[in-house]
């Protein structure tokens, strides 16, 4: 076991907990362990790469005196405590990729929902990325994009005055596209009301994120070949 772990240790992720001067560790699946730590995953075994409690997980050294330190020999119960109250040690590459993923998710949220408070126009991703490069922001790989969003907005608002808002769009579509266009409307917004007219046309009331306004209009016009009538309110 020791030999296998040493060969693979570069790829290993583990959770570690210091207790009574001793170290206790478990080998983990990173994403599942993060979810378990946040209370989003119920079964701790789904977060473990291997069963077992170690004093040095990467070397494969099993921990001793479990009953004395945890009040139980049940490895699942001990693993719960290690992941919940210990620290997650992820490989540098995985943490880097996770951090980059969070950065992209935050940019997407801003571009989808935000507009420039001065121009009232959507904000391109390149402009948000440029602003992020000018301020000091450490993205947390363990927190969701939504949890970090307000902190990011506070730092870049001096460079881009961002406001989040929603727009209502009234879309009138003739019988040729009525019904079929709903897939496009729901992709870029939320249909609040649908009204079928006597001539077979349909009027949709759609709530769209402010940053999706231009994309919504373009995709709706593309689908209907310019025959849709769009009114923003």
Protein backbone atom coordinates (compact mmCIF):
# COMPACT_ATOMS: atom_id res chain seq x y z
CA UNK A 1 0.00 0.00 0.00
CA UNK A 2 2.80 2.39 0.89
CA UNK A 3 4.41 1.84 -2.51
CA UNK A 4 1.18 2.49 -4.45
CA UNK A 5 0.53 5.73 -2.56
CA UNK A 6 4.05 7.01 -3.10
CA UNK A 7 3.77 6.39 -6.85
CA UNK A 8 0.47 8.28 -7.05
CA UNK A 9 1.02 10.92 -4.37
CA UNK A 10 1.31 13.77 -6.89
CA UNK A 11 -2.33 13.16 -7.83
CA UNK A 12 -3.67 12.69 -4.31
CA UNK A 13 -5.98 15.03 -2.44
CA UNK A 14 -6.51 14.56 1.28
CA UNK A 15 -8.17 16.06 4.32
CA UNK A 16 -6.14 16.48 7.49
CA UNK A 17 -7.09 17.14 11.10
CA UNK A 18 -4.83 17.82 14.08
CA UNK A 19 -6.17 16.35 17.31
CA UNK A 20 -4.46 15.84 20.66
CA UNK A 21 -1.13 16.60 19.02
CA UNK A 22 -1.62 13.90 16.39
CA UNK A 23 -2.40 14.05 12.67
CA UNK A 24 -5.33 12.19 11.15
CA UNK A 25 -5.96 12.10 7.41
CA UNK A 26 -8.24 10.61 4.77
CA UNK A 27 -7.79 10.44 1.00
CA UNK A 28 -10.59 12.33 -0.74
CA UNK A 29 -12.31 13.05 -4.00
CA UNK A 30 -11.93 16.84 -4.06
CA UNK A 31 -15.26 17.98 -5.46
CA UNK A 32 -17.28 15.58 -3.33
CA UNK A 33 -15.27 16.46 -0.21
CA UNK A 34 -15.96 20.17 -0.74
CA UNK A 35 -19.68 19.40 -1.11
CA UNK A 36 -19.65 17.25 2.04
CA UNK A 37 -17.87 19.97 4.01
CA UNK A 38 -20.58 22.43 2.94
CA UNK A 39 -23.36 20.01 3.88
CA UNK A 40 -24.37 19.41 0.26
CA UNK A 41 -23.41 15.74 0.25
CA UNK A 42 -24.85 13.32 2.78
CA UNK A 43 -22.80 10.14 2.43
CA UNK A 44 -19.19 10.71 3.48
CA UNK A 45 -18.07 7.53 1.70
CA UNK A 46 -18.89 9.20 -1.62
CA UNK A 47 -16.22 11.78 -0.77
CA UNK A 48 -13.48 9.25 -0.04
CA UNK A 49 -10.96 8.03 -2.57
CA UNK A 50 -9.95 5.14 -0.29
CA UNK A 51 -11.37 3.94 2.99
CA UNK A 52 -9.14 4.18 6.02
CA UNK A 53 -7.77 6.67 8.51
CA UNK A 54 -4.10 7.59 8.14
CA UNK A 55 -1.46 9.45 10.08
CA UNK A 56 0.19 10.13 6.70
CA UNK A 57 -2.24 9.43 3.87
CA UNK A 58 0.24 10.02 1.07
CA UNK A 59 2.67 7.48 2.55
CA UNK A 60 -0.11 5.02 3.38
CA UNK A 61 0.63 5.01 7.12
CA UNK A 62 -2.44 3.97 9.10
CA UNK A 63 -3.37 5.97 12.19
CA UNK A 64 -3.51 4.35 15.61
CA UNK A 65 -5.51 5.01 18.82
CA UNK A 66 -8.71 5.93 16.95
CA UNK A 67 -10.99 4.96 19.84
CA UNK A 68 -8.92 7.05 22.24
CA UNK A 69 -9.01 10.17 20.05
CA UNK A 70 -12.44 9.93 18.42
CA UNK A 71 -14.43 7.73 20.78
CA UNK A 72 -15.08 5.24 17.98
CA UNK A 73 -13.33 2.86 15.59
CA UNK A 74 -15.89 3.55 12.84
CA UNK A 75 -13.82 4.92 9.96
CA UNK A 76 -16.83 6.59 8.31
CA UNK A 77 -17.69 8.55 11.46
CA UNK A 78 -14.05 9.56 11.88
CA UNK A 79 -13.82 10.58 8.22
CA UNK A 80 -16.84 12.85 8.72
CA UNK A 81 -15.07 14.69 11.51
CA UNK A 82 -11.79 14.98 9.59
CA UNK A 83 -13.44 16.47 6.50
CA UNK A 84 -15.86 18.73 8.40
CA UNK A 85 -13.40 20.20 10.87
CA UNK A 86 -10.07 19.63 9.16
CA UNK A 87 -8.50 21.29 6.13
CA UNK A 88 -8.70 20.03 2.56
CA UNK A 89 -5.32 19.66 0.90
CA UNK A 90 -5.74 19.76 -2.86
CA UNK A 91 -3.04 19.47 -5.49
CA UNK A 92 -1.75 22.77 -6.80
CA UNK A 93 -2.97 22.03 -10.31
CA UNK A 94 -6.47 21.11 -9.18
CA UNK A 95 -6.75 24.18 -6.96
CA UNK A 96 -5.55 26.37 -9.83
CA UNK A 97 -8.17 24.91 -12.18
CA UNK A 98 -10.91 25.27 -9.56
CA UNK A 99 -9.95 28.89 -8.92
CA UNK A 100 -10.02 29.66 -12.64
CA UNK A 101 -13.44 28.03 -12.90
CA UNK A 102 -14.77 30.29 -10.12
CA UNK A 103 -13.31 33.35 -11.88
CA UNK A 104 -15.07 32.44 -15.13
CA UNK A 105 -18.35 31.78 -13.33
CA UNK A 106 -18.23 35.20 -11.66
CA UNK A 107 -17.49 36.93 -14.98
CA UNK A 108 -20.43 35.09 -16.55
CA UNK A 109 -22.80 36.18 -13.75
CA UNK A 110 -21.71 39.81 -14.13
CA UNK A 111 -22.04 39.81 -17.92
CA UNK A 112 -25.37 38.02 -17.87
CA UNK A 113 -27.05 40.14 -15.21
CA UNK A 114 -25.18 43.44 -15.10
CA UNK A 115 -25.17 46.59 -17.19
CA UNK A 116 -23.04 49.73 -17.15
CA UNK A 117 -24.86 52.18 -14.88
CA UNK A 118 -23.74 55.14 -17.02
CA UNK A 119 -24.41 53.84 -20.53
CA UNK A 120 -27.17 51.34 -19.62
CA UNK A 121 -25.45 48.89 -21.98
CA UNK A 122 -24.41 45.25 -21.37
CA UNK A 123 -20.82 44.72 -20.25
CA UNK A 124 -18.52 42.58 -22.44
CA UNK A 125 -16.55 39.80 -20.73
CA UNK A 126 -13.28 41.33 -21.95
CA UNK A 127 -14.05 44.53 -20.06
CA UNK A 128 -14.74 42.63 -16.83
CA UNK A 129 -11.53 40.61 -17.28
CA UNK A 130 -9.56 43.82 -17.82
CA UNK A 131 -10.99 45.29 -14.61
CA UNK A 132 -10.14 42.15 -12.65
CA UNK A 133 -6.54 42.39 -13.82
CA UNK A 134 -6.30 45.92 -12.38
CA UNK A 135 -7.48 45.04 -8.88
CA UNK A 136 -6.20 42.52 -6.35
CA UNK A 137 -8.70 39.68 -5.97
CA UNK A 138 -7.98 36.24 -4.58
CA UNK A 139 -10.69 33.88 -5.77
CA UNK A 140 -11.54 31.20 -3.21
CA UNK A 141 -11.72 27.73 -4.80
CA UNK A 142 -13.89 26.48 -1.92
CA UNK A 143 -16.58 29.17 -2.10
CA UNK A 144 -19.27 29.37 -4.76
CA UNK A 145 -19.23 32.14 -7.35
CA UNK A 146 -22.33 33.68 -5.77
CA UNK A 147 -20.68 33.79 -2.34
CA UNK A 148 -17.75 35.75 -3.80
CA UNK A 149 -19.73 37.98 -6.16
CA UNK A 150 -20.36 40.94 -3.84
CA UNK A 151 -16.71 41.17 -2.86
CA UNK A 152 -15.69 41.21 -6.53
CA UNK A 153 -18.27 43.88 -7.39
CA UNK A 154 -17.07 46.11 -4.56
CA UNK A 155 -13.55 46.07 -5.96
CA UNK A 156 -14.30 46.62 -9.64
CA UNK A 157 -17.19 49.08 -9.27
CA UNK A 158 -14.70 51.95 -9.28
CA UNK A 159 -13.61 50.87 -12.74
CA UNK A 160 -17.02 49.75 -14.03
CA UNK A 161 -20.19 51.12 -12.40
CA UNK A 162 -22.19 47.90 -12.51
CA UNK A 163 -25.86 47.54 -11.66
CA UNK A 164 -27.90 44.38 -11.85
CA UNK A 165 -31.34 44.76 -13.36
CA UNK A 166 -33.99 42.87 -15.29
CA UNK A 167 -35.97 44.00 -18.30
CA UNK A 168 -39.39 42.97 -19.53
CA UNK A 169 -39.69 42.20 -23.21
CA UNK A 170 -42.97 41.86 -25.09
CA UNK A 171 -42.41 39.59 -28.09
CA UNK A 172 -45.04 39.21 -30.81
CA UNK A 173 -44.45 36.24 -33.10
CA UNK A 174 -46.56 35.21 -36.09
CA UNK A 175 -48.11 31.76 -36.44
CA UNK A 176 -45.09 30.45 -38.36
CA UNK A 177 -42.84 30.70 -35.30
CA UNK A 178 -45.34 30.82 -32.42
CA UNK A 179 -44.70 27.98 -29.98
CA UNK A 180 -41.39 27.02 -31.57
CA UNK A 181 -39.66 30.19 -30.39
CA UNK A 182 -40.30 29.47 -26.71
CA UNK A 183 -37.06 27.45 -26.48
CA UNK A 184 -35.09 30.54 -27.47
CA UNK A 185 -36.99 32.82 -25.10
CA UNK A 186 -36.47 30.52 -22.11
CA UNK A 187 -32.76 30.15 -22.88
CA UNK A 188 -32.18 33.88 -22.47
CA UNK A 189 -34.99 34.80 -20.09
CA UNK A 190 -38.08 33.65 -18.19
CA UNK A 191 -41.49 33.59 -19.84
CA UNK A 192 -43.97 35.33 -17.54
CA UNK A 193 -47.03 35.24 -19.76
CA UNK A 194 -48.15 33.65 -23.04
CA UNK A 195 -51.15 34.91 -24.97
CA UNK A 196 -52.41 33.34 -28.16
CA UNK A 197 -54.05 35.73 -30.59
CA UNK A 198 -57.00 35.04 -32.93
CA UNK A 199 -54.78 35.11 -36.04
CA UNK A 200 -52.55 32.31 -34.71
CA UNK A 201 -49.78 34.66 -33.58
CA UNK A 202 -48.53 34.65 -30.01
CA UNK A 203 -47.50 37.39 -27.60
CA UNK A 204 -44.93 36.52 -24.97
CA UNK A 205 -44.01 38.55 -21.91
CA UNK A 206 -40.43 37.67 -20.99
CA UNK A 207 -38.22 38.74 -18.09
CA UNK A 208 -34.59 38.99 -19.19
CA UNK A 209 -31.39 39.73 -17.26
CA UNK A 210 -30.06 43.19 -18.13
CA UNK A 211 -26.82 41.89 -19.56
CA UNK A 212 -28.61 39.53 -21.93
CA UNK A 213 -30.64 42.24 -23.67
CA UNK A 214 -28.64 42.43 -26.90
CA UNK A 215 -28.14 38.67 -27.12
CA UNK A 216 -31.85 38.10 -26.49
CA UNK A 217 -32.86 40.47 -29.28
CA UNK A 218 -30.30 39.01 -31.71
CA UNK A 219 -31.23 35.37 -31.10
CA UNK A 220 -34.95 36.11 -31.24
CA UNK A 221 -34.57 37.95 -34.53
CA UNK A 222 -32.30 35.25 -35.93
CA UNK A 223 -34.81 32.52 -35.10
CA UNK A 224 -37.76 34.43 -36.57
CA UNK A 225 -35.74 35.79 -39.50
CA UNK A 226 -36.51 39.30 -38.31
CA UNK A 227 -40.29 38.76 -38.23
CA UNK A 228 -40.66 39.00 -34.45
CA UNK A 229 -41.73 42.33 -32.96
CA UNK A 230 -39.81 43.06 -29.74
CA UNK A 231 -40.67 45.80 -27.26
CA UNK A 232 -38.53 46.41 -24.20
CA UNK A 233 -40.09 47.92 -21.09
